[in-house]
Amino acid sequence: MEAQKPNAKPAAKPASNKTNVPGIKNAFWVIVVCAIICVLLFIFWFGNDMHFDEDGHPQNLWGTVYKGGFIVPILQTLFLTVIVISFERWFALSAAKGKGSIDKFVANVKARLAANDIEGAQKLCKEQKGSVAAVVSAALVTYKQMDENKELSKEQKITSLQKSVEEATALEMPALQQNLPIVATLTTLGTLVGLLGTVMGMIKSFQALAQSGAPDSTELSTGISEALINTAFGIATGAFAVISYNFYTNKIDNLTYAIDEIGFSIVQTFAATH
């Protein structure tokens, strides 16, 4: 009695289990390095004696920033972290996009598939590189295998092809969104820490006003400076983080749309030609 043939074969796996998106994998060390830089900058530059007169009053903007108090280096750390991660995402998503126009690449792949030129489509993927090309390349490998397979039914082949596209997409998506949750958190955290510094500065100002006799002008100005400096840094951090998050989220959405479009096109082309 002949052995029964299997009803289905597992879908082809991508050639590599590594994403094509570069980037910083552990943002914790980014925060630590930014904190060290900001604390040293706060102590040795903003707090330098050359920025103050003999009575300890700030003579320029740097001295005024120093008067913002210990909350300032915390806010500077948050602001610098947003800047560093934003640049990191810029390079990462630029690499994920690939070398050429995504729209042109998708159109060229569709044309190759319509002509049943799998090798030509694979060549386009090697030239384009990036996340979209990686997903297409993985799907084309399965496409070719299903084309040569004589055991599976058409429905099973289509299912295997869809699964290949989904697996390749699932491999790329986390890398595209990496570190963006930190930026999203800083949109709120920066504003809240700035508000904390503002409240602490106002408390000092009211303490100076509450003193018996003439108010201490130095303490009053110090409290006001702390409030305003922390407000400024908090607003700047929150605003920059919001802009950065929305900008990169939109870029990721465009890449995701391109991946979905070409993946659907590959499956539909296979269904129409087999």
C-alpha atoms as a PDB file:
ATOM      1  CA  MET A   1       0.000   0.000   0.000  1.00  0.00           C
ATOM      2  CA  GLU A   2       1.407   3.360  -0.986  1.00  0.00           C
ATOM      3  CA  ALA A   3       1.991   5.954   1.634  1.00  0.00           C
ATOM      4  CA  GLN A   4      -0.493   8.816   1.553  1.00  0.00           C
ATOM      5  CA  LYS A   5       0.783  12.130   0.269  1.00  0.00           C
ATOM      6  CA  PRO A   6       0.580  15.005   2.667  1.00  0.00           C
ATOM      7  CA  ASN A   7      -2.330  17.362   2.085  1.00  0.00           C
ATOM      8  CA  ALA A   8      -0.294  20.468   2.566  1.00  0.00           C
ATOM      9  CA  LYS A   9       3.226  21.694   2.982  1.00  0.00           C
ATOM     10  CA  PRO A  10       4.312  24.472   5.273  1.00  0.00           C
ATOM     11  CA  ALA A  11       4.673  27.847   3.628  1.00  0.00           C
ATOM     12  CA  ALA A  12       8.142  28.857   2.676  1.00  0.00           C
ATOM     13  CA  LYS A  13       9.918  30.822   5.317  1.00  0.00           C
ATOM     14  CA  PRO A  14      11.828  34.002   4.644  1.00  0.00           C
ATOM     15  CA  ALA A  15      15.473  33.486   3.829  1.00  0.00           C
ATOM     16  CA  SER A  16      16.464  35.216   7.045  1.00  0.00           C
ATOM     17  CA  ASN A  17      14.792  35.771  10.383  1.00  0.00           C
ATOM     18  CA  LYS A  18      16.452  39.143  10.686  1.00  0.00           C
ATOM     19  CA  THR A  19      14.740  42.382   9.796  1.00  0.00           C
ATOM     20  CA  ASN A  20      16.080  44.662   7.084  1.00  0.00           C
ATOM     21  CA  VAL A  21      15.518  47.756   9.251  1.00  0.00           C
ATOM     22  CA  PRO A  22      18.613  49.010  11.095  1.00  0.00           C
ATOM     23  CA  GLY A  23      18.360  50.950  14.323  1.00  0.00           C
ATOM     24  CA  ILE A  24      19.070  51.130  18.032  1.00  0.00           C
ATOM     25  CA  LYS A  25      17.716  47.997  19.665  1.00  0.00           C
ATOM     26  CA  ASN A  26      17.966  49.116  23.306  1.00  0.00           C
ATOM     27  CA  ALA A  27      16.890  52.729  23.852  1.00  0.00           C
ATOM     28  CA  PHE A  28      17.686  52.462  27.588  1.00  0.00           C
ATOM     29  CA  TRP A  29      21.343  53.192  26.903  1.00  0.00           C
ATOM     30  CA  VAL A  30      20.365  56.167  24.766  1.00  0.00           C
ATOM     31  CA  ILE A  31      18.550  57.636  27.763  1.00  0.00           C
ATOM     32  CA  VAL A  32      21.487  56.890  30.075  1.00  0.00           C
ATOM     33  CA  VAL A  33      24.035  58.539  27.762  1.00  0.00           C
ATOM     34  CA  CYS A  34      21.765  61.549  27.231  1.00  0.00           C
ATOM     35  CA  ALA A  35      21.331  61.896  31.006  1.00  0.00           C
ATOM     36  CA  ILE A  36      25.100  61.844  31.602  1.00  0.00           C
ATOM     37  CA  ILE A  37      25.684  64.449  28.891  1.00  0.00           C
ATOM     38  CA  CYS A  38      22.947  66.740  30.202  1.00  0.00           C
ATOM     39  CA  VAL A  39      24.037  66.521  33.853  1.00  0.00           C
ATOM     40  CA  LEU A  40      27.657  67.303  32.935  1.00  0.00           C
ATOM     41  CA  LEU A  41      26.510  70.148  30.692  1.00  0.00           C
ATOM     42  CA  PHE A  42      24.298  71.537  33.460  1.00  0.00           C
ATOM     43  CA  ILE A  43      27.044  71.447  36.075  1.00  0.00           C
ATOM     44  CA  PHE A  44      30.122  72.491  34.130  1.00  0.00           C
ATOM     45  CA  TRP A  45      28.670  74.832  31.501  1.00  0.00           C
ATOM     46  CA  PHE A  46      25.373  76.299  32.691  1.00  0.00           C
ATOM     47  CA  GLY A  47      26.672  76.459  36.261  1.00  0.00           C
ATOM     48  CA  ASN A  48      30.054  77.930  35.352  1.00  0.00           C
ATOM     49  CA  ASP A  49      31.005  81.005  37.412  1.00  0.00           C
ATOM     50  CA  MET A  50      31.562  83.093  34.295  1.00  0.00           C
ATOM     51  CA  HIS A  51      27.789  83.169  33.752  1.00  0.00           C
ATOM     52  CA  PHE A  52      27.131  84.853  37.137  1.00  0.00           C
ATOM     53  CA  ASP A  53      28.140  88.086  38.840  1.00  0.00           C
ATOM     54  CA  GLU A  54      29.674  88.340  42.295  1.00  0.00           C
ATOM     55  CA  ASP A  55      26.262  88.195  43.935  1.00  0.00           C
ATOM     56  CA  GLY A  56      25.301  85.032  42.091  1.00  0.00           C
ATOM     57  CA  HIS A  57      22.903  86.677  39.659  1.00  0.00           C
ATOM     58  CA  PRO A  58      22.903  85.264  36.126  1.00  0.00           C
ATOM     59  CA  GLN A  59      24.502  87.508  33.515  1.00  0.00           C
ATOM     60  CA  ASN A  60      23.291  85.688  30.415  1.00  0.00           C
ATOM     61  CA  LEU A  61      20.890  83.034  29.182  1.00  0.00           C
ATOM     62  CA  TRP A  62      23.130  80.141  30.295  1.00  0.00           C
ATOM     63  CA  GLY A  63      23.107  81.356  33.882  1.00  0.00           C
ATOM     64  CA  THR A  64      19.345  81.864  33.728  1.00  0.00           C
ATOM     65  CA  VAL A  65      18.919  78.254  32.583  1.00  0.00           C
ATOM     66  CA  TYR A  66      21.039  77.103  35.526  1.00  0.00           C
ATOM     67  CA  LYS A  67      18.667  78.933  37.850  1.00  0.00           C
ATOM     68  CA  GLY A  68      15.931  76.633  36.613  1.00  0.00           C
ATOM     69  CA  GLY A  69      17.016  74.125  39.241  1.00  0.00           C
ATOM     70  CA  PHE A  70      17.578  70.375  39.253  1.00  0.00           C
ATOM     71  CA  ILE A  71      14.525  69.735  37.052  1.00  0.00           C
ATOM     72  CA  VAL A  72      16.364  71.337  34.104  1.00  0.00           C
ATOM     73  CA  PRO A  73      18.843  68.490  33.446  1.00  0.00           C
ATOM     74  CA  ILE A  74      15.933  66.027  33.617  1.00  0.00           C
ATOM     75  CA  LEU A  75      14.040  67.993  30.976  1.00  0.00           C
ATOM     76  CA  GLN A  76      17.196  68.369  28.906  1.00  0.00           C
ATOM     77  CA  THR A  77      17.635  64.588  29.042  1.00  0.00           C
ATOM     78  CA  LEU A  78      14.099  64.065  27.768  1.00  0.00           C
ATOM     79  CA  PHE A  79      14.553  66.651  25.014  1.00  0.00           C
ATOM     80  CA  LEU A  80      17.905  65.230  23.893  1.00  0.00           C
ATOM     81  CA  THR A  81      16.446  61.702  23.933  1.00  0.00           C
ATOM     82  CA  VAL A  82      13.665  62.802  21.585  1.00  0.00           C
ATOM     83  CA  ILE A  83      16.205  64.372  19.226  1.00  0.00           C
ATOM     84  CA  VAL A  84      18.487  61.301  19.193  1.00  0.00           C
ATOM     85  CA  ILE A  85      15.639  58.828  18.657  1.00  0.00           C
ATOM     86  CA  SER A  86      14.154  61.042  15.950  1.00  0.00           C
ATOM     87  CA  PHE A  87      17.428  60.991  14.011  1.00  0.00           C
ATOM     88  CA  GLU A  88      17.720  57.232  14.619  1.00  0.00           C
ATOM     89  CA  ARG A  89      14.238  56.681  13.183  1.00  0.00           C
ATOM     90  CA  TRP A  90      15.084  58.893  10.206  1.00  0.00           C
ATOM     91  CA  PHE A  91      18.023  56.694   9.207  1.00  0.00           C
ATOM     92  CA  ALA A  92      16.133  53.478  10.034  1.00  0.00           C
ATOM     93  CA  LEU A  93      13.046  54.328   7.990  1.00  0.00           C
ATOM     94  CA  SER A  94      15.156  55.682   5.134  1.00  0.00           C
ATOM     95  CA  ALA A  95      16.858  52.284   4.979  1.00  0.00           C
ATOM     96  CA  ALA A  96      13.470  50.545   5.268  1.00  0.00           C
ATOM     97  CA  LYS A  97      12.163  52.560   2.322  1.00  0.00           C
ATOM     98  CA  GLY A  98      14.954  51.305   0.079  1.00  0.00           C
ATOM     99  CA  LYS A  99      16.944  52.995  -2.652  1.00  0.00           C
ATOM    100  CA  GLY A 100      14.253  54.083  -5.083  1.00  0.00           C
ATOM    101  CA  SER A 101      10.667  55.264  -5.202  1.00  0.00           C
ATOM    102  CA  ILE A 102       8.283  52.858  -3.456  1.00  0.00           C
ATOM    103  CA  ASP A 103       5.449  53.624  -5.878  1.00  0.00           C
ATOM    104  CA  LYS A 104       7.675  52.983  -8.887  1.00  0.00           C
ATOM    105  CA  PHE A 105       8.990  49.762  -7.355  1.00  0.00           C
ATOM    106  CA  VAL A 106       5.473  48.456  -6.665  1.00  0.00           C
ATOM    107  CA  ALA A 107       4.380  49.290 -10.213  1.00  0.00           C
ATOM    108  CA  ASN A 108       7.435  47.562 -11.722  1.00  0.00           C
ATOM    109  CA  VAL A 109       6.898  44.420  -9.634  1.00  0.00           C
ATOM    110  CA  LYS A 110       3.258  44.283 -10.712  1.00  0.00           C
ATOM    111  CA  ALA A 111       4.363  44.546 -14.341  1.00  0.00           C
ATOM    112  CA  ARG A 112       6.878  41.700 -13.904  1.00  0.00           C
ATOM    113  CA  LEU A 113       4.254  39.517 -12.243  1.00  0.00           C
ATOM    114  CA  ALA A 114       1.775  40.215 -15.024  1.00  0.00           C
ATOM    115  CA  ALA A 115       4.424  38.976 -17.458  1.00  0.00           C
ATOM    116  CA  ASN A 116       5.141  35.967 -15.194  1.00  0.00           C
ATOM    117  CA  ASP A 117       8.741  37.185 -14.865  1.00  0.00           C
ATOM    118  CA  ILE A 118       9.532  36.026 -11.308  1.00  0.00           C
ATOM    119  CA  GLU A 119      13.286  36.318 -11.763  1.00  0.00           C
ATOM    120  CA  GLY A 120      12.900  39.873 -13.011  1.00  0.00           C
ATOM    121  CA  ALA A 121      10.789  40.755  -9.977  1.00  0.00           C
ATOM    122  CA  GLN A 122      13.416  39.237  -7.666  1.00  0.00           C
ATOM    123  CA  LYS A 123      16.076  41.326  -9.388  1.00  0.00           C
ATOM    124  CA  LEU A 124      14.041  44.450  -8.683  1.00  0.00           C
ATOM    125  CA  CYS A 125      13.887  43.454  -4.990  1.00  0.00           C
ATOM    126  CA  LYS A 126      17.673  43.097  -4.811  1.00  0.00           C
ATOM    127  CA  GLU A 127      18.108  46.527  -6.366  1.00  0.00           C
ATOM    128  CA  GLN A 128      15.456  48.224  -4.214  1.00  0.00           C
ATOM    129  CA  LYS A 129      16.312  46.690  -0.815  1.00  0.00           C
ATOM    130  CA  GLY A 130      14.444  47.766   2.308  1.00  0.00           C
ATOM    131  CA  SER A 131      11.389  46.367   4.081  1.00  0.00           C
ATOM    132  CA  VAL A 132       8.956  46.431   1.157  1.00  0.00           C
ATOM    133  CA  ALA A 133      11.457  44.650  -1.075  1.00  0.00           C
ATOM    134  CA  ALA A 134      12.142  42.074   1.667  1.00  0.00           C
ATOM    135  CA  VAL A 135       8.456  41.205   1.972  1.00  0.00           C
ATOM    136  CA  VAL A 136       8.065  40.997  -1.806  1.00  0.00           C
ATOM    137  CA  SER A 137      11.181  38.837  -2.118  1.00  0.00           C
ATOM    138  CA  ALA A 138       9.921  36.377   0.517  1.00  0.00           C
ATOM    139  CA  ALA A 139       6.533  36.230  -1.217  1.00  0.00           C
ATOM    140  CA  LEU A 140       8.164  35.633  -4.611  1.00  0.00           C
ATOM    141  CA  VAL A 141      10.157  32.699  -3.231  1.00  0.00           C
ATOM    142  CA  THR A 142       6.903  31.087  -2.115  1.00  0.00           C
ATOM    143  CA  TYR A 143       5.253  32.121  -5.397  1.00  0.00           C
ATOM    144  CA  LYS A 144       7.864  30.196  -7.364  1.00  0.00           C
ATOM    145  CA  GLN A 145       7.633  27.157  -5.093  1.00  0.00           C
ATOM    146  CA  MET A 146       3.845  27.078  -5.351  1.00  0.00           C
ATOM    147  CA  ASP A 147       4.112  27.493  -9.121  1.00  0.00           C
ATOM    148  CA  GLU A 148       6.274  24.369  -9.320  1.00  0.00           C
ATOM    149  CA  ASN A 149       4.252  22.396  -6.770  1.00  0.00           C
ATOM    150  CA  LYS A 150       1.983  19.756  -8.293  1.00  0.00           C
ATOM    151  CA  GLU A 151       0.629  18.236  -5.062  1.00  0.00           C
ATOM    152  CA  LEU A 152      -1.292  21.071  -3.427  1.00  0.00           C
ATOM    153  CA  SER A 153      -4.615  22.385  -4.571  1.00  0.00           C
ATOM    154  CA  LYS A 154      -5.006  25.949  -5.807  1.00  0.00           C
ATOM    155  CA  GLU A 155      -6.634  27.030  -2.545  1.00  0.00           C
ATOM    156  CA  GLN A 156      -3.785  25.542  -0.501  1.00  0.00           C
ATOM    157  CA  LYS A 157      -1.226  27.296  -2.660  1.00  0.00           C
ATOM    158  CA  ILE A 158      -2.971  30.636  -2.236  1.00  0.00           C
ATOM    159  CA  THR A 159      -3.160  30.081   1.525  1.00  0.00           C
ATOM    160  CA  SER A 160       0.572  29.299   1.661  1.00  0.00           C
ATOM    161  CA  LEU A 161       1.338  32.425  -0.355  1.00  0.00           C
ATOM    162  CA  GLN A 162      -0.791  34.598   1.919  1.00  0.00           C
ATOM    163  CA  LYS A 163       0.892  33.118   4.969  1.00  0.00           C
ATOM    164  CA  SER A 164       4.318  33.860   3.523  1.00  0.00           C
ATOM    165  CA  VAL A 165       3.372  37.511   2.977  1.00  0.00           C
ATOM    166  CA  GLU A 166       1.962  37.780   6.510  1.00  0.00           C
ATOM    167  CA  GLU A 167       5.065  36.223   8.100  1.00  0.00           C
ATOM    168  CA  ALA A 168       7.437  38.496   6.188  1.00  0.00           C
ATOM    169  CA  THR A 169       5.326  41.539   7.098  1.00  0.00           C
ATOM    170  CA  ALA A 170       5.204  40.527  10.769  1.00  0.00           C
ATOM    171  CA  LEU A 171       9.000  40.340  10.771  1.00  0.00           C
ATOM    172  CA  GLU A 172       9.406  43.888   9.470  1.00  0.00           C
ATOM    173  CA  MET A 173       6.675  45.782  11.328  1.00  0.00           C
ATOM    174  CA  PRO A 174       8.132  45.702  14.891  1.00  0.00           C
ATOM    175  CA  ALA A 175      11.435  47.060  13.595  1.00  0.00           C
ATOM    176  CA  LEU A 176       9.651  49.911  11.788  1.00  0.00           C
ATOM    177  CA  GLN A 177       7.840  50.942  14.971  1.00  0.00           C
ATOM    178  CA  GLN A 178      10.810  50.403  17.274  1.00  0.00           C
ATOM    179  CA  ASN A 179      11.499  53.242  19.779  1.00  0.00           C
ATOM    180  CA  LEU A 180       8.413  55.207  18.687  1.00  0.00           C
ATOM    181  CA  PRO A 181       6.533  54.245  21.907  1.00  0.00           C
ATOM    182  CA  ILE A 182       9.288  56.071  23.810  1.00  0.00           C
ATOM    183  CA  VAL A 183       8.727  59.201  21.730  1.00  0.00           C
ATOM    184  CA  ALA A 184       4.978  58.866  22.327  1.00  0.00           C
ATOM    185  CA  THR A 185       5.588  58.641  26.089  1.00  0.00           C
ATOM    186  CA  LEU A 186       7.810  61.723  26.051  1.00  0.00           C
ATOM    187  CA  THR A 187       5.051  63.797  24.447  1.00  0.00           C
ATOM    188  CA  THR A 188       3.241  63.677  27.774  1.00  0.00           C
ATOM    189  CA  LEU A 189       6.129  63.113  30.168  1.00  0.00           C
ATOM    190  CA  GLY A 190       8.059  66.172  28.978  1.00  0.00           C
ATOM    191  CA  THR A 191       5.057  68.428  29.539  1.00  0.00           C
ATOM    192  CA  LEU A 192       4.322  66.950  32.974  1.00  0.00           C
ATOM    193  CA  VAL A 193       7.926  67.262  34.188  1.00  0.00           C
ATOM    194  CA  GLY A 194       8.007  70.842  32.886  1.00  0.00           C
ATOM    195  CA  LEU A 195       4.797  71.544  34.800  1.00  0.00           C
ATOM    196  CA  LEU A 196       6.370  70.080  37.939  1.00  0.00           C
ATOM    197  CA  GLY A 197       9.333  72.434  37.564  1.00  0.00           C
ATOM    198  CA  THR A 198       6.957  75.349  36.995  1.00  0.00           C
ATOM    199  CA  VAL A 199       5.024  74.603  40.179  1.00  0.00           C
ATOM    200  CA  MET A 200       8.226  74.273  42.204  1.00  0.00           C
ATOM    201  CA  GLY A 201       9.473  77.604  40.843  1.00  0.00           C
ATOM    202  CA  MET A 202       6.209  79.329  41.717  1.00  0.00           C
ATOM    203  CA  ILE A 203       6.344  77.894  45.229  1.00  0.00           C
ATOM    204  CA  LYS A 204       9.753  79.533  45.709  1.00  0.00           C
ATOM    205  CA  SER A 205       8.409  82.814  44.338  1.00  0.00           C
ATOM    206  CA  PHE A 206       5.469  82.847  46.766  1.00  0.00           C
ATOM    207  CA  GLN A 207       7.771  81.928  49.638  1.00  0.00           C
ATOM    208  CA  ALA A 208       9.864  84.992  48.802  1.00  0.00           C
ATOM    209  CA  LEU A 209       6.744  87.187  48.708  1.00  0.00           C
ATOM    210  CA  ALA A 210       5.515  85.760  52.020  1.00  0.00           C
ATOM    211  CA  GLN A 211       8.606  86.823  53.928  1.00  0.00           C
ATOM    212  CA  SER A 212       8.094  89.576  56.515  1.00  0.00           C
ATOM    213  CA  GLY A 213       9.245  92.998  55.443  1.00  0.00           C
ATOM    214  CA  ALA A 214      10.546  93.612  51.944  1.00  0.00           C
ATOM    215  CA  PRO A 215      10.425  90.545  49.684  1.00  0.00           C
ATOM    216  CA  ASP A 216      13.775  88.955  48.816  1.00  0.00           C
ATOM    217  CA  SER A 217      14.181  89.995  45.180  1.00  0.00           C
ATOM    218  CA  THR A 218      16.871  87.386  44.543  1.00  0.00           C
ATOM    219  CA  GLU A 219      14.690  84.530  45.757  1.00  0.00           C
ATOM    220  CA  LEU A 220      11.722  85.965  43.880  1.00  0.00           C
ATOM    221  CA  SER A 221      13.637  86.183  40.576  1.00  0.00           C
ATOM    222  CA  THR A 222      15.121  82.721  41.122  1.00  0.00           C
ATOM    223  CA  GLY A 223      11.676  81.203  41.579  1.00  0.00           C
ATOM    224  CA  ILE A 224      10.309  82.962  38.515  1.00  0.00           C
ATOM    225  CA  SER A 225      13.325  81.874  36.444  1.00  0.00           C
ATOM    226  CA  GLU A 226      12.914  78.273  37.560  1.00  0.00           C
ATOM    227  CA  ALA A 227       9.229  78.341  36.640  1.00  0.00           C
ATOM    228  CA  LEU A 228       9.739  79.873  33.190  1.00  0.00           C
ATOM    229  CA  ILE A 229      12.809  77.815  32.229  1.00  0.00           C
ATOM    230  CA  ASN A 230      11.112  74.552  33.144  1.00  0.00           C
ATOM    231  CA  THR A 231       7.965  75.619  31.306  1.00  0.00           C
ATOM    232  CA  ALA A 232       9.981  76.374  28.184  1.00  0.00           C
ATOM    233  CA  PHE A 233      11.869  73.067  28.224  1.00  0.00           C
ATOM    234  CA  GLY A 234       8.692  71.095  28.958  1.00  0.00           C
ATOM    235  CA  ILE A 235       6.767  72.690  26.094  1.00  0.00           C
ATOM    236  CA  ALA A 236       9.713  72.264  23.696  1.00  0.00           C
ATOM    237  CA  THR A 237      10.092  68.583  24.599  1.00  0.00           C
ATOM    238  CA  GLY A 238       6.392  67.814  24.267  1.00  0.00           C
ATOM    239  CA  ALA A 239       5.994  69.752  20.998  1.00  0.00           C
ATOM    240  CA  PHE A 240       9.035  68.194  19.329  1.00  0.00           C
ATOM    241  CA  ALA A 241       7.994  64.708  20.462  1.00  0.00           C
ATOM    242  CA  VAL A 242       4.469  65.137  19.047  1.00  0.00           C
ATOM    243  CA  ILE A 243       5.801  66.363  15.699  1.00  0.00           C
ATOM    244  CA  SER A 244       8.355  63.549  15.529  1.00  0.00           C
ATOM    245  CA  TYR A 245       5.864  60.826  16.476  1.00  0.00           C
ATOM    246  CA  ASN A 246       3.234  61.914  13.970  1.00  0.00           C
ATOM    247  CA  PHE A 247       5.795  62.383  11.194  1.00  0.00           C
ATOM    248  CA  TYR A 248       7.289  58.903  11.555  1.00  0.00           C
ATOM    249  CA  THR A 249       3.925  57.250  12.135  1.00  0.00           C
ATOM    250  CA  ASN A 250       2.810  58.661   8.785  1.00  0.00           C
ATOM    251  CA  LYS A 251       5.966  57.319   7.081  1.00  0.00           C
ATOM    252  CA  ILE A 252       5.343  53.872   8.592  1.00  0.00           C
ATOM    253  CA  ASP A 253       1.719  53.960   7.421  1.00  0.00           C
ATOM    254  CA  ASN A 254       2.912  54.679   3.867  1.00  0.00           C
ATOM    255  CA  LEU A 255       5.322  51.724   3.993  1.00  0.00           C
ATOM    256  CA  THR A 256       2.629  49.481   5.440  1.00  0.00           C
ATOM    257  CA  TYR A 257       0.208  50.497   2.709  1.00  0.00           C
ATOM    258  CA  ALA A 258       2.813  49.680   0.040  1.00  0.00           C
ATOM    259  CA  ILE A 259       3.470  46.270   1.635  1.00  0.00           C
ATOM    260  CA  ASP A 260      -0.247  45.474   1.811  1.00  0.00           C
ATOM    261  CA  GLU A 261      -0.790  46.601  -1.773  1.00  0.00           C
ATOM    262  CA  ILE A 262       2.005  44.566  -3.311  1.00  0.00           C
ATOM    263  CA  GLY A 263       1.229  41.534  -1.119  1.00  0.00           C
ATOM    264  CA  PHE A 264      -2.412  41.569  -2.220  1.00  0.00           C
ATOM    265  CA  SER A 265      -1.312  42.016  -5.840  1.00  0.00           C
ATOM    266  CA  ILE A 266       1.010  38.993  -5.667  1.00  0.00           C
ATOM    267  CA  VAL A 267      -1.738  36.764  -4.262  1.00  0.00           C
ATOM    268  CA  GLN A 268      -4.291  37.990  -6.794  1.00  0.00           C
ATOM    269  CA  THR A 269      -1.889  37.520  -9.687  1.00  0.00           C
ATOM    270  CA  PHE A 270      -1.211  33.934  -8.598  1.00  0.00           C
ATOM    271  CA  ALA A 271      -4.943  33.259  -8.237  1.00  0.00           C
ATOM    272  CA  ALA A 272      -5.662  34.673 -11.702  1.00  0.00           C
ATOM    273  CA  THR A 273      -2.890  32.792 -13.515  1.00  0.00           C
ATOM    274  CA  HIS A 274      -3.190  29.345 -11.893  1.00  0.00           C
END
